[in-house]
Amino acid sequence: MEIFKVILTALLSVAALFTITKIMGHKQVAQLDFFDYVSGITIGSIGAELATELEKPYKPLIALAIYGLVSLLLDLIVHKIPRSRKYINGTPTILMNEGKLYRKNLKQAKLDLSEFMLLCREQGYFELDEIQTAIFEHNGKISILPKAANRPATPDDLKIPAKATHIGVEVIMDGRVMSENLSRMGRNEAWLENQIKLQGYKTAKKLFLGIYRPEEDKLTLYTYE
């Protein structure tokens, strides 16, 4: 009988965590603010406790619900009252501007010089004199505005007319034809079969991925390894 209680509470824990996560929504780890990070850890701990609580599983379940509701409430406040964002999510901090490093701001961001330089290198800047402004965002990432001389040249800088580009559309995925995407691009399966044969393949089932770029009227095919 004890083993069935363990199985049931474990399943209840999984169901509760899944439900709360779906309600709270998904964020990439790098986009988590401080409260999201802390509540995520806490919810995971409570979920683990719920999985092994055989006598009174409703207690950790209530705690899970409270954390989920508080997270939703804070998200609602942030969206409804923009001024509250700086208190709940924090504000960006300027770490460097026009060749000047702000020691006080670095200290406030809990960064020393070596950590700051590491973040700069991760963004592709190995020399600080290439940087115009460096801002430490509330999600823990650094945004860098390079000096004008170090910014990549654009077609506008070179006086070259630029054509609009569009994202390629998947028309074959894992050997399956994406009929809806084909139709949206004004193409059909007969056209796709003909294109596949023109590129030396027999059928879409033998292909891993197919991407169609409408602005070039080009189909790119990828085979299985």
N, C-alpha and C. Protein backbone atom coordinates (compact mmCIF):
# COMPACT_ATOMS: atom_id res chain seq x y z
N MET A 1 0.82 -1.21 0.00
CA MET A 1 0.00 0.00 0.00
C MET A 1 0.87 1.27 0.00
N GLU A 2 2.00 1.18 0.71
CA GLU A 2 2.91 2.32 0.81
C GLU A 2 3.46 2.71 -0.56
N ILE A 3 3.79 1.70 -1.38
CA ILE A 3 4.36 1.98 -2.70
C ILE A 3 3.37 2.72 -3.59
N PHE A 4 2.08 2.42 -3.44
CA PHE A 4 1.06 3.11 -4.24
C PHE A 4 0.94 4.57 -3.82
N LYS A 5 1.09 4.84 -2.52
CA LYS A 5 1.07 6.23 -2.03
C LYS A 5 2.23 7.02 -2.62
N VAL A 6 3.41 6.39 -2.67
CA VAL A 6 4.58 7.04 -3.23
C VAL A 6 4.36 7.37 -4.71
N ILE A 7 3.81 6.39 -5.44
CA ILE A 7 3.55 6.59 -6.87
C ILE A 7 2.55 7.72 -7.09
N LEU A 8 1.48 7.71 -6.28
CA LEU A 8 0.42 8.72 -6.43
C LEU A 8 0.93 10.12 -6.10
N THR A 9 1.69 10.27 -5.02
CA THR A 9 2.20 11.59 -4.66
C THR A 9 3.23 12.08 -5.68
N ALA A 10 4.03 11.16 -6.23
CA ALA A 10 5.00 11.54 -7.26
C ALA A 10 4.28 12.03 -8.52
N LEU A 11 3.22 11.31 -8.91
CA LEU A 11 2.43 11.74 -10.07
C LEU A 11 1.74 13.07 -9.81
N LEU A 12 1.25 13.25 -8.59
CA LEU A 12 0.62 14.52 -8.21
C LEU A 12 1.63 15.67 -8.30
N SER A 13 2.87 15.41 -7.85
CA SER A 13 3.91 16.43 -7.92
C SER A 13 4.21 16.82 -9.36
N VAL A 14 4.35 15.82 -10.23
CA VAL A 14 4.63 16.08 -11.65
C VAL A 14 3.50 16.89 -12.28
N ALA A 15 2.26 16.48 -12.00
CA ALA A 15 1.09 17.17 -12.56
C ALA A 15 1.01 18.60 -12.06
N ALA A 16 1.28 18.81 -10.76
CA ALA A 16 1.21 20.15 -10.19
C ALA A 16 2.29 21.06 -10.78
N LEU A 17 3.53 20.56 -10.89
CA LEU A 17 4.62 21.35 -11.45
C LEU A 17 4.35 21.69 -12.92
N PHE A 18 3.86 20.70 -13.67
CA PHE A 18 3.55 20.93 -15.09
C PHE A 18 2.48 22.01 -15.24
N THR A 19 1.42 21.90 -14.43
CA THR A 19 0.31 22.85 -14.51
C THR A 19 0.76 24.26 -14.16
N ILE A 20 1.50 24.40 -13.07
CA ILE A 20 1.95 25.73 -12.64
C ILE A 20 2.92 26.34 -13.66
N THR A 21 3.81 25.51 -14.22
CA THR A 21 4.74 25.99 -15.22
C THR A 21 4.01 26.49 -16.47
N LYS A 22 2.99 25.75 -16.90
CA LYS A 22 2.22 26.16 -18.07
C LYS A 22 1.48 27.46 -17.81
N ILE A 23 0.94 27.61 -16.60
CA ILE A 23 0.20 28.82 -16.25
C ILE A 23 1.14 30.02 -16.18
N MET A 24 2.32 29.83 -15.58
CA MET A 24 3.27 30.93 -15.41
C MET A 24 3.91 31.34 -16.72
N GLY A 25 3.97 30.43 -17.69
CA GLY A 25 4.58 30.73 -18.98
C GLY A 25 6.04 30.35 -19.00
N HIS A 26 6.64 30.41 -20.19
CA HIS A 26 8.02 29.97 -20.38
C HIS A 26 8.94 31.17 -20.59
N LYS A 27 10.08 31.11 -19.98
CA LYS A 27 11.13 32.10 -20.19
C LYS A 27 12.45 31.36 -20.32
N GLN A 28 13.33 31.91 -21.17
CA GLN A 28 14.67 31.36 -21.23
C GLN A 28 15.37 31.69 -19.91
N VAL A 29 16.31 30.84 -19.51
CA VAL A 29 17.00 31.06 -18.24
C VAL A 29 17.66 32.42 -18.21
N ALA A 30 18.24 32.86 -19.33
CA ALA A 30 18.91 34.15 -19.36
C ALA A 30 17.95 35.32 -19.21
N GLN A 31 16.64 35.07 -19.42
CA GLN A 31 15.65 36.14 -19.32
C GLN A 31 14.97 36.18 -17.96
N LEU A 32 15.31 35.28 -17.08
CA LEU A 32 14.67 35.24 -15.77
C LEU A 32 15.14 36.42 -14.93
N ASP A 33 14.19 37.12 -14.29
CA ASP A 33 14.60 38.13 -13.33
C ASP A 33 14.84 37.46 -11.98
N PHE A 34 15.20 38.27 -10.98
CA PHE A 34 15.62 37.70 -9.69
C PHE A 34 14.50 36.88 -9.06
N PHE A 35 13.28 37.42 -9.04
CA PHE A 35 12.18 36.69 -8.38
C PHE A 35 11.84 35.42 -9.13
N ASP A 36 11.83 35.46 -10.47
CA ASP A 36 11.56 34.26 -11.26
C ASP A 36 12.57 33.16 -10.94
N TYR A 37 13.84 33.57 -10.81
CA TYR A 37 14.91 32.61 -10.53
C TYR A 37 14.70 31.97 -9.16
N VAL A 38 14.46 32.82 -8.16
CA VAL A 38 14.28 32.32 -6.79
C VAL A 38 13.02 31.46 -6.68
N SER A 39 11.92 31.93 -7.26
CA SER A 39 10.67 31.17 -7.16
C SER A 39 10.77 29.85 -7.93
N GLY A 40 11.54 29.84 -9.04
CA GLY A 40 11.72 28.61 -9.79
C GLY A 40 12.43 27.55 -8.95
N ILE A 41 13.49 27.97 -8.25
CA ILE A 41 14.21 27.04 -7.37
C ILE A 41 13.30 26.55 -6.25
N THR A 42 12.55 27.50 -5.65
CA THR A 42 11.67 27.14 -4.53
C THR A 42 10.55 26.20 -4.96
N ILE A 43 9.95 26.50 -6.11
CA ILE A 43 8.87 25.64 -6.61
C ILE A 43 9.40 24.24 -6.88
N GLY A 44 10.62 24.14 -7.43
CA GLY A 44 11.22 22.82 -7.65
C GLY A 44 11.43 22.07 -6.35
N SER A 45 11.88 22.78 -5.31
CA SER A 45 12.10 22.15 -3.99
C SER A 45 10.79 21.68 -3.38
N ILE A 46 9.77 22.54 -3.50
CA ILE A 46 8.45 22.15 -2.95
C ILE A 46 7.89 20.97 -3.72
N GLY A 47 8.09 20.97 -5.04
CA GLY A 47 7.62 19.86 -5.86
C GLY A 47 8.28 18.54 -5.44
N ALA A 48 9.59 18.61 -5.13
CA ALA A 48 10.30 17.41 -4.66
C ALA A 48 9.74 16.95 -3.32
N GLU A 49 9.42 17.91 -2.45
CA GLU A 49 8.83 17.56 -1.14
C GLU A 49 7.45 16.93 -1.32
N LEU A 50 6.68 17.49 -2.27
CA LEU A 50 5.34 16.95 -2.55
C LEU A 50 5.42 15.51 -3.02
N ALA A 51 6.47 15.19 -3.79
CA ALA A 51 6.61 13.83 -4.34
C ALA A 51 6.82 12.78 -3.26
N THR A 52 7.32 13.22 -2.10
CA THR A 52 7.62 12.25 -1.03
C THR A 52 6.75 12.43 0.20
N GLU A 53 5.85 13.41 0.17
CA GLU A 53 4.97 13.65 1.31
C GLU A 53 3.76 12.73 1.23
N LEU A 54 3.74 11.71 2.08
CA LEU A 54 2.68 10.70 2.02
C LEU A 54 1.52 11.01 2.95
N GLU A 55 1.80 11.70 4.04
CA GLU A 55 0.75 11.92 5.05
C GLU A 55 -0.16 13.10 4.70
N LYS A 56 0.45 14.27 4.40
CA LYS A 56 -0.34 15.48 4.13
C LYS A 56 0.17 16.18 2.88
N PRO A 57 -0.07 15.57 1.71
CA PRO A 57 0.45 16.16 0.46
C PRO A 57 -0.17 17.50 0.10
N TYR A 58 -1.32 17.81 0.74
CA TYR A 58 -1.99 19.07 0.41
C TYR A 58 -1.18 20.29 0.88
N LYS A 59 -0.32 20.12 1.88
CA LYS A 59 0.46 21.25 2.39
C LYS A 59 1.45 21.78 1.35
N PRO A 60 2.34 20.93 0.80
CA PRO A 60 3.22 21.44 -0.25
C PRO A 60 2.48 21.84 -1.52
N LEU A 61 1.32 21.20 -1.76
CA LEU A 61 0.52 21.55 -2.93
C LEU A 61 -0.01 22.98 -2.80
N ILE A 62 -0.45 23.36 -1.60
CA ILE A 62 -0.92 24.73 -1.35
C ILE A 62 0.23 25.71 -1.53
N ALA A 63 1.42 25.33 -1.01
CA ALA A 63 2.59 26.20 -1.15
C ALA A 63 2.95 26.41 -2.62
N LEU A 64 2.85 25.35 -3.41
CA LEU A 64 3.10 25.47 -4.86
C LEU A 64 2.14 26.46 -5.50
N ALA A 65 0.87 26.32 -5.14
CA ALA A 65 -0.16 27.20 -5.71
C ALA A 65 0.10 28.66 -5.33
N ILE A 66 0.52 28.90 -4.07
CA ILE A 66 0.78 30.26 -3.61
C ILE A 66 1.94 30.89 -4.40
N TYR A 67 3.03 30.13 -4.56
CA TYR A 67 4.17 30.66 -5.32
C TYR A 67 3.77 30.95 -6.76
N GLY A 68 2.98 30.06 -7.35
CA GLY A 68 2.53 30.29 -8.72
C GLY A 68 1.66 31.53 -8.83
N LEU A 69 0.75 31.71 -7.88
CA LEU A 69 -0.14 32.87 -7.89
C LEU A 69 0.63 34.17 -7.67
N VAL A 70 1.61 34.15 -6.76
CA VAL A 70 2.42 35.35 -6.52
C VAL A 70 3.20 35.74 -7.77
N SER A 71 3.76 34.76 -8.46
CA SER A 71 4.49 35.04 -9.70
C SER A 71 3.58 35.65 -10.76
N LEU A 72 2.37 35.10 -10.88
CA LEU A 72 1.40 35.65 -11.83
C LEU A 72 0.99 37.06 -11.45
N LEU A 73 0.81 37.29 -10.15
CA LEU A 73 0.41 38.61 -9.67
C LEU A 73 1.49 39.66 -9.96
N LEU A 74 2.76 39.29 -9.73
CA LEU A 74 3.85 40.22 -10.01
C LEU A 74 3.97 40.52 -11.50
N ASP A 75 3.77 39.50 -12.35
CA ASP A 75 3.79 39.73 -13.79
C ASP A 75 2.67 40.69 -14.20
N LEU A 76 1.49 40.53 -13.58
CA LEU A 76 0.36 41.40 -13.88
C LEU A 76 0.65 42.83 -13.46
N ILE A 77 1.25 42.99 -12.28
CA ILE A 77 1.58 44.33 -11.78
C ILE A 77 2.59 45.01 -12.70
N VAL A 78 3.60 44.25 -13.14
CA VAL A 78 4.63 44.80 -14.02
C VAL A 78 4.02 45.29 -15.34
N HIS A 79 3.05 44.55 -15.88
CA HIS A 79 2.44 44.92 -17.15
C HIS A 79 1.45 46.07 -16.99
N LYS A 80 0.75 46.10 -15.89
CA LYS A 80 -0.27 47.12 -15.67
C LYS A 80 0.32 48.43 -15.15
N ILE A 81 1.39 48.33 -14.35
CA ILE A 81 2.00 49.52 -13.75
C ILE A 81 3.48 49.56 -14.15
N PRO A 82 3.80 50.17 -15.30
CA PRO A 82 5.18 50.16 -15.79
C PRO A 82 6.20 50.69 -14.78
N ARG A 83 5.81 51.65 -13.94
CA ARG A 83 6.75 52.22 -12.98
C ARG A 83 7.23 51.19 -11.96
N SER A 84 6.45 50.13 -11.77
CA SER A 84 6.82 49.11 -10.78
C SER A 84 7.96 48.22 -11.27
N ARG A 85 8.28 48.27 -12.56
CA ARG A 85 9.29 47.37 -13.12
C ARG A 85 10.65 47.57 -12.48
N LYS A 86 11.00 48.83 -12.20
CA LYS A 86 12.32 49.07 -11.63
C LYS A 86 12.44 48.52 -10.22
N TYR A 87 11.30 48.36 -9.52
CA TYR A 87 11.34 47.80 -8.16
C TYR A 87 11.27 46.28 -8.18
N ILE A 88 10.55 45.72 -9.15
CA ILE A 88 10.38 44.26 -9.21
C ILE A 88 11.46 43.61 -10.06
N ASN A 89 11.68 44.14 -11.27
CA ASN A 89 12.66 43.52 -12.18
C ASN A 89 14.04 44.14 -12.09
N GLY A 90 14.12 45.35 -11.56
CA GLY A 90 15.39 46.06 -11.54
C GLY A 90 15.54 46.94 -12.76
N THR A 91 16.62 47.70 -12.83
CA THR A 91 16.85 48.63 -13.94
C THR A 91 18.22 48.38 -14.55
N PRO A 92 18.41 48.73 -15.83
CA PRO A 92 19.73 48.61 -16.46
C PRO A 92 20.73 49.54 -15.77
N THR A 93 21.99 49.12 -15.75
CA THR A 93 23.05 49.89 -15.11
C THR A 93 24.17 50.15 -16.10
N ILE A 94 24.54 51.41 -16.27
CA ILE A 94 25.65 51.75 -17.18
C ILE A 94 26.96 51.44 -16.48
N LEU A 95 27.74 50.54 -17.06
CA LEU A 95 29.02 50.15 -16.48
C LEU A 95 30.19 50.91 -17.10
N MET A 96 30.01 51.31 -18.35
CA MET A 96 31.09 52.02 -19.04
C MET A 96 30.48 52.93 -20.08
N ASN A 97 31.03 54.15 -20.21
CA ASN A 97 30.53 55.07 -21.22
C ASN A 97 31.64 56.03 -21.62
N GLU A 98 31.89 56.13 -22.94
CA GLU A 98 32.88 57.03 -23.50
C GLU A 98 34.25 56.87 -22.84
N GLY A 99 34.65 55.60 -22.69
CA GLY A 99 35.97 55.31 -22.17
C GLY A 99 36.10 55.38 -20.65
N LYS A 100 35.00 55.65 -19.96
CA LYS A 100 35.04 55.78 -18.51
C LYS A 100 34.32 54.62 -17.86
N LEU A 101 35.00 53.91 -16.95
CA LEU A 101 34.39 52.82 -16.20
C LEU A 101 33.78 53.37 -14.91
N TYR A 102 32.57 52.93 -14.60
CA TYR A 102 31.87 53.40 -13.40
C TYR A 102 32.05 52.37 -12.29
N ARG A 103 32.99 52.66 -11.40
CA ARG A 103 33.32 51.72 -10.33
C ARG A 103 32.12 51.47 -9.42
N LYS A 104 31.39 52.54 -9.09
CA LYS A 104 30.23 52.42 -8.20
C LYS A 104 29.17 51.51 -8.81
N ASN A 105 28.94 51.65 -10.12
CA ASN A 105 27.94 50.84 -10.80
C ASN A 105 28.38 49.38 -10.92
N LEU A 106 29.68 49.17 -11.13
CA LEU A 106 30.21 47.81 -11.15
C LEU A 106 29.99 47.13 -9.80
N LYS A 107 30.23 47.88 -8.75
CA LYS A 107 30.04 47.34 -7.41
C LYS A 107 28.57 47.05 -7.15
N GLN A 108 27.69 47.95 -7.62
CA GLN A 108 26.25 47.74 -7.46
C GLN A 108 25.78 46.50 -8.21
N ALA A 109 26.39 46.24 -9.39
CA ALA A 109 26.03 45.07 -10.19
C ALA A 109 26.71 43.79 -9.71
N LYS A 110 27.51 43.91 -8.63
CA LYS A 110 28.23 42.76 -8.05
C LYS A 110 29.21 42.16 -9.06
N LEU A 111 29.88 43.05 -9.81
CA LEU A 111 30.86 42.61 -10.81
C LEU A 111 32.22 43.21 -10.48
N ASP A 112 33.27 42.39 -10.60
CA ASP A 112 34.60 42.98 -10.54
C ASP A 112 35.10 43.16 -11.98
N LEU A 113 36.27 43.75 -12.14
CA LEU A 113 36.77 44.06 -13.48
C LEU A 113 36.97 42.82 -14.34
N SER A 114 37.46 41.73 -13.73
CA SER A 114 37.70 40.51 -14.51
C SER A 114 36.39 39.93 -15.03
N GLU A 115 35.34 39.98 -14.21
CA GLU A 115 34.03 39.48 -14.65
C GLU A 115 33.46 40.38 -15.75
N PHE A 116 33.63 41.68 -15.60
CA PHE A 116 33.15 42.61 -16.62
C PHE A 116 33.85 42.36 -17.95
N MET A 117 35.17 42.16 -17.91
CA MET A 117 35.92 41.91 -19.14
C MET A 117 35.55 40.57 -19.76
N LEU A 118 35.22 39.60 -18.92
CA LEU A 118 34.76 38.30 -19.42
C LEU A 118 33.45 38.47 -20.20
N LEU A 119 32.51 39.24 -19.64
CA LEU A 119 31.23 39.48 -20.31
C LEU A 119 31.45 40.21 -21.64
N CYS A 120 32.42 41.13 -21.66
CA CYS A 120 32.73 41.83 -22.90
C CYS A 120 33.29 40.88 -23.95
N ARG A 121 34.19 39.99 -23.53
CA ARG A 121 34.77 39.03 -24.47
C ARG A 121 33.71 38.08 -25.02
N GLU A 122 32.74 37.72 -24.17
CA GLU A 122 31.64 36.86 -24.64
C GLU A 122 30.83 37.54 -25.73
N GLN A 123 30.81 38.87 -25.73
CA GLN A 123 30.10 39.63 -26.76
C GLN A 123 30.99 39.92 -27.96
N GLY A 124 32.27 39.44 -27.89
CA GLY A 124 33.17 39.62 -29.03
C GLY A 124 34.07 40.84 -28.95
N TYR A 125 34.13 41.48 -27.77
CA TYR A 125 34.96 42.67 -27.61
C TYR A 125 36.11 42.35 -26.66
N PHE A 126 37.31 42.24 -27.22
CA PHE A 126 38.49 41.88 -26.44
C PHE A 126 39.28 43.11 -25.99
N GLU A 127 38.96 44.26 -26.56
CA GLU A 127 39.62 45.51 -26.19
C GLU A 127 38.54 46.50 -25.73
N LEU A 128 38.76 47.08 -24.55
CA LEU A 128 37.76 48.01 -24.01
C LEU A 128 37.67 49.29 -24.82
N ASP A 129 38.75 49.65 -25.52
CA ASP A 129 38.69 50.89 -26.29
C ASP A 129 37.85 50.76 -27.56
N GLU A 130 37.31 49.56 -27.82
CA GLU A 130 36.37 49.38 -28.93
C GLU A 130 34.93 49.70 -28.50
N ILE A 131 34.73 49.88 -27.19
CA ILE A 131 33.38 50.01 -26.64
C ILE A 131 33.03 51.46 -26.36
N GLN A 132 31.86 51.86 -26.87
CA GLN A 132 31.32 53.19 -26.56
C GLN A 132 30.57 53.16 -25.24
N THR A 133 29.61 52.22 -25.13
CA THR A 133 28.79 52.11 -23.92
C THR A 133 28.54 50.65 -23.61
N ALA A 134 28.63 50.30 -22.33
CA ALA A 134 28.32 48.94 -21.87
C ALA A 134 27.26 49.06 -20.78
N ILE A 135 26.16 48.31 -20.95
CA ILE A 135 25.04 48.38 -20.01
C ILE A 135 24.77 46.99 -19.46
N PHE A 136 24.67 46.90 -18.16
CA PHE A 136 24.34 45.64 -17.49
C PHE A 136 22.83 45.57 -17.32
N GLU A 137 22.20 44.62 -18.02
CA GLU A 137 20.74 44.52 -17.99
C GLU A 137 20.26 43.81 -16.72
N HIS A 138 18.96 43.96 -16.42
CA HIS A 138 18.44 43.38 -15.18
C HIS A 138 18.42 41.85 -15.21
N ASN A 139 18.53 41.24 -16.41
CA ASN A 139 18.53 39.78 -16.49
C ASN A 139 19.94 39.18 -16.42
N GLY A 140 20.94 40.02 -16.12
CA GLY A 140 22.29 39.51 -15.95
C GLY A 140 23.14 39.49 -17.21
N LYS A 141 22.59 39.97 -18.32
CA LYS A 141 23.36 40.02 -19.56
C LYS A 141 23.87 41.44 -19.79
N ILE A 142 24.90 41.54 -20.61
CA ILE A 142 25.49 42.84 -20.89
C ILE A 142 25.20 43.24 -22.33
N SER A 143 24.80 44.48 -22.53
CA SER A 143 24.57 45.02 -23.87
C SER A 143 25.66 46.02 -24.18
N ILE A 144 26.23 45.92 -25.38
CA ILE A 144 27.37 46.76 -25.74
C ILE A 144 27.09 47.54 -27.02
N LEU A 145 27.33 48.85 -26.95
CA LEU A 145 27.30 49.70 -28.14
C LEU A 145 28.74 49.99 -28.52
N PRO A 146 29.22 49.46 -29.64
CA PRO A 146 30.61 49.70 -30.03
C PRO A 146 30.81 51.12 -30.54
N LYS A 147 32.05 51.58 -30.53
CA LYS A 147 32.36 52.88 -31.11
C LYS A 147 32.07 52.85 -32.60
N ALA A 148 31.80 54.02 -33.17
CA ALA A 148 31.41 54.10 -34.58
C ALA A 148 32.40 53.41 -35.50
N ALA A 149 33.69 53.54 -35.18
CA ALA A 149 34.73 52.95 -36.05
C ALA A 149 34.76 51.44 -35.98
N ASN A 150 34.16 50.87 -34.93
CA ASN A 150 34.19 49.41 -34.75
C ASN A 150 32.85 48.74 -35.08
N ARG A 151 31.89 49.52 -35.53
CA ARG A 151 30.60 48.94 -35.89
C ARG A 151 30.67 48.33 -37.28
N PRO A 152 29.99 47.20 -37.50
CA PRO A 152 30.00 46.58 -38.83
C PRO A 152 29.39 47.52 -39.87
N ALA A 153 29.99 47.56 -41.03
CA ALA A 153 29.47 48.39 -42.11
C ALA A 153 28.16 47.81 -42.63
N THR A 154 27.19 48.67 -42.91
CA THR A 154 25.90 48.25 -43.44
C THR A 154 25.82 48.64 -44.91
N PRO A 155 24.89 48.03 -45.66
CA PRO A 155 24.72 48.43 -47.07
C PRO A 155 24.45 49.93 -47.21
N ASP A 156 23.77 50.51 -46.21
CA ASP A 156 23.49 51.94 -46.26
C ASP A 156 24.78 52.75 -46.16
N ASP A 157 25.72 52.28 -45.30
CA ASP A 157 27.01 52.97 -45.18
C ASP A 157 27.77 52.94 -46.50
N LEU A 158 27.67 51.81 -47.20
CA LEU A 158 28.41 51.62 -48.45
C LEU A 158 27.63 52.08 -49.67
N LYS A 159 26.45 52.66 -49.44
CA LYS A 159 25.59 53.16 -50.52
C LYS A 159 25.22 52.04 -51.50
N ILE A 160 24.97 50.85 -50.91
CA ILE A 160 24.57 49.70 -51.73
C ILE A 160 23.09 49.44 -51.50
N PRO A 161 22.28 49.36 -52.55
CA PRO A 161 20.85 49.06 -52.36
C PRO A 161 20.67 47.66 -51.78
N ALA A 162 19.86 47.56 -50.76
CA ALA A 162 19.65 46.27 -50.08
C ALA A 162 18.24 45.75 -50.37
N LYS A 163 18.18 44.45 -50.64
CA LYS A 163 16.89 43.81 -50.87
C LYS A 163 16.32 43.28 -49.56
N ALA A 164 15.01 43.31 -49.48
CA ALA A 164 14.36 42.75 -48.29
C ALA A 164 14.57 41.24 -48.26
N THR A 165 14.85 40.72 -47.08
CA THR A 165 15.03 39.28 -46.93
C THR A 165 13.90 38.70 -46.10
N HIS A 166 13.64 37.43 -46.31
CA HIS A 166 12.56 36.75 -45.60
C HIS A 166 13.08 35.45 -45.01
N ILE A 167 12.49 35.05 -43.93
CA ILE A 167 12.89 33.80 -43.28
C ILE A 167 12.45 32.63 -44.13
N GLY A 168 13.35 31.66 -44.30
CA GLY A 168 13.00 30.45 -45.04
C GLY A 168 11.90 29.68 -44.35
N VAL A 169 11.08 29.02 -45.15
CA VAL A 169 9.93 28.27 -44.62
C VAL A 169 10.20 26.78 -44.75
N GLU A 170 9.99 26.04 -43.65
CA GLU A 170 10.20 24.60 -43.68
C GLU A 170 9.07 23.93 -44.46
N VAL A 171 9.42 23.22 -45.52
CA VAL A 171 8.41 22.50 -46.30
C VAL A 171 8.58 20.99 -46.16
N ILE A 172 9.74 20.57 -45.63
CA ILE A 172 9.98 19.15 -45.29
C ILE A 172 10.65 19.12 -43.93
N MET A 173 10.11 18.32 -43.03
CA MET A 173 10.73 18.17 -41.72
C MET A 173 10.73 16.70 -41.33
N ASP A 174 11.95 16.17 -41.15
CA ASP A 174 12.11 14.78 -40.74
C ASP A 174 11.36 13.83 -41.68
N GLY A 175 11.47 14.08 -42.97
CA GLY A 175 10.86 13.21 -43.97
C GLY A 175 9.39 13.45 -44.22
N ARG A 176 8.78 14.41 -43.54
CA ARG A 176 7.35 14.68 -43.71
C ARG A 176 7.16 16.00 -44.47
N VAL A 177 6.25 15.98 -45.42
CA VAL A 177 5.93 17.18 -46.18
C VAL A 177 5.01 18.07 -45.35
N MET A 178 5.37 19.36 -45.22
CA MET A 178 4.55 20.32 -44.48
C MET A 178 3.59 20.99 -45.46
N SER A 179 2.47 20.32 -45.68
CA SER A 179 1.52 20.75 -46.72
C SER A 179 0.99 22.16 -46.47
N GLU A 180 0.74 22.50 -45.21
CA GLU A 180 0.19 23.82 -44.88
C GLU A 180 1.18 24.93 -45.25
N ASN A 181 2.47 24.70 -44.96
CA ASN A 181 3.49 25.68 -45.31
C ASN A 181 3.64 25.82 -46.82
N LEU A 182 3.56 24.69 -47.51
CA LEU A 182 3.63 24.71 -48.98
C LEU A 182 2.51 25.56 -49.56
N SER A 183 1.31 25.32 -49.05
CA SER A 183 0.14 26.04 -49.54
C SER A 183 0.27 27.54 -49.27
N ARG A 184 0.81 27.88 -48.11
CA ARG A 184 0.97 29.28 -47.74
C ARG A 184 1.96 29.99 -48.66
N MET A 185 2.91 29.24 -49.20
CA MET A 185 3.90 29.79 -50.12
C MET A 185 3.43 29.75 -51.58
N GLY A 186 2.18 29.29 -51.78
CA GLY A 186 1.65 29.22 -53.14
C GLY A 186 2.19 28.06 -53.94
N ARG A 187 2.65 27.02 -53.26
CA ARG A 187 3.19 25.85 -53.92
C ARG A 187 2.37 24.62 -53.52
N ASN A 188 2.57 23.51 -54.25
CA ASN A 188 1.85 22.29 -53.93
C ASN A 188 2.82 21.11 -53.92
N GLU A 189 2.31 19.94 -53.57
CA GLU A 189 3.17 18.77 -53.42
C GLU A 189 3.74 18.30 -54.76
N ALA A 190 3.00 18.53 -55.85
CA ALA A 190 3.51 18.15 -57.17
C ALA A 190 4.75 18.97 -57.50
N TRP A 191 4.70 20.26 -57.20
CA TRP A 191 5.87 21.13 -57.42
C TRP A 191 7.04 20.66 -56.56
N LEU A 192 6.75 20.31 -55.30
CA LEU A 192 7.80 19.87 -54.39
C LEU A 192 8.46 18.58 -54.88
N GLU A 193 7.63 17.62 -55.32
CA GLU A 193 8.17 16.35 -55.83
C GLU A 193 9.08 16.58 -57.03
N ASN A 194 8.67 17.50 -57.90
CA ASN A 194 9.47 17.81 -59.08
C ASN A 194 10.82 18.42 -58.68
N GLN A 195 10.79 19.34 -57.68
CA GLN A 195 12.02 19.98 -57.21
C GLN A 195 12.96 18.96 -56.56
N ILE A 196 12.38 18.03 -55.83
CA ILE A 196 13.18 17.00 -55.17
C ILE A 196 13.91 16.15 -56.21
N LYS A 197 13.20 15.75 -57.27
CA LYS A 197 13.80 14.94 -58.32
C LYS A 197 14.86 15.71 -59.10
N LEU A 198 14.62 17.03 -59.31
CA LEU A 198 15.59 17.85 -60.02
C LEU A 198 16.91 17.94 -59.25
N GLN A 199 16.84 17.83 -57.93
CA GLN A 199 18.05 17.89 -57.11
C GLN A 199 18.65 16.52 -56.85
N GLY A 200 18.10 15.49 -57.52
CA GLY A 200 18.71 14.16 -57.47
C GLY A 200 18.22 13.25 -56.37
N TYR A 201 17.07 13.57 -55.78
CA TYR A 201 16.51 12.71 -54.72
C TYR A 201 15.21 12.09 -55.21
N LYS A 202 14.84 10.97 -54.61
CA LYS A 202 13.66 10.25 -55.07
C LYS A 202 12.38 10.70 -54.37
N THR A 203 12.45 10.88 -53.05
CA THR A 203 11.23 11.18 -52.30
C THR A 203 11.57 12.00 -51.06
N ALA A 204 10.56 12.70 -50.54
CA ALA A 204 10.75 13.54 -49.36
C ALA A 204 11.09 12.70 -48.12
N LYS A 205 10.68 11.43 -48.12
CA LYS A 205 10.93 10.57 -46.96
C LYS A 205 12.41 10.34 -46.71
N LYS A 206 13.22 10.55 -47.75
CA LYS A 206 14.66 10.35 -47.63
C LYS A 206 15.39 11.62 -47.19
N LEU A 207 14.61 12.71 -46.96
CA LEU A 207 15.21 14.00 -46.63
C LEU A 207 14.93 14.39 -45.18
N PHE A 208 15.91 15.02 -44.56
CA PHE A 208 15.79 15.43 -43.16
C PHE A 208 15.07 16.78 -43.05
N LEU A 209 15.42 17.70 -43.95
CA LEU A 209 14.86 19.05 -43.88
C LEU A 209 14.84 19.67 -45.26
N GLY A 210 13.79 20.42 -45.54
CA GLY A 210 13.68 21.18 -46.78
C GLY A 210 13.21 22.59 -46.47
N ILE A 211 13.96 23.60 -46.92
CA ILE A 211 13.60 24.99 -46.64
C ILE A 211 13.43 25.74 -47.96
N TYR A 212 12.29 26.41 -48.06
CA TYR A 212 11.97 27.16 -49.28
C TYR A 212 12.08 28.66 -48.98
N ARG A 213 12.85 29.37 -49.83
CA ARG A 213 13.00 30.82 -49.68
C ARG A 213 12.29 31.49 -50.84
N PRO A 214 11.11 32.07 -50.56
CA PRO A 214 10.27 32.59 -51.64
C PRO A 214 10.89 33.73 -52.42
N GLU A 215 11.68 34.61 -51.75
CA GLU A 215 12.24 35.77 -52.46
C GLU A 215 13.26 35.33 -53.52
N GLU A 216 13.86 34.14 -53.32
CA GLU A 216 14.83 33.61 -54.29
C GLU A 216 14.22 32.48 -55.11
N ASP A 217 13.01 32.07 -54.76
CA ASP A 217 12.37 30.89 -55.36
C ASP A 217 13.34 29.71 -55.33
N LYS A 218 13.90 29.47 -54.14
CA LYS A 218 14.94 28.47 -53.99
C LYS A 218 14.57 27.46 -52.90
N LEU A 219 14.74 26.18 -53.22
CA LEU A 219 14.49 25.10 -52.26
C LEU A 219 15.83 24.48 -51.86
N THR A 220 16.15 24.51 -50.58
CA THR A 220 17.39 23.91 -50.07
C THR A 220 17.04 22.65 -49.31
N LEU A 221 17.69 21.53 -49.68
CA LEU A 221 17.39 20.23 -49.10
C LEU A 221 18.58 19.71 -48.28
N TYR A 222 18.25 19.11 -47.14
CA TYR A 222 19.26 18.52 -46.27
C TYR A 222 18.93 17.04 -46.07
N THR A 223 19.93 16.19 -46.26
CA THR A 223 19.71 14.76 -46.13
C THR A 223 20.10 14.28 -44.74
N TYR A 224 19.68 13.06 -44.41
CA TYR A 224 20.13 12.43 -43.17
C TYR A 224 21.61 12.14 -43.27
N GLU A 225 22.29 12.13 -42.14
CA GLU A 225 23.72 11.79 -42.15
C GLU A 225 23.89 10.32 -42.51
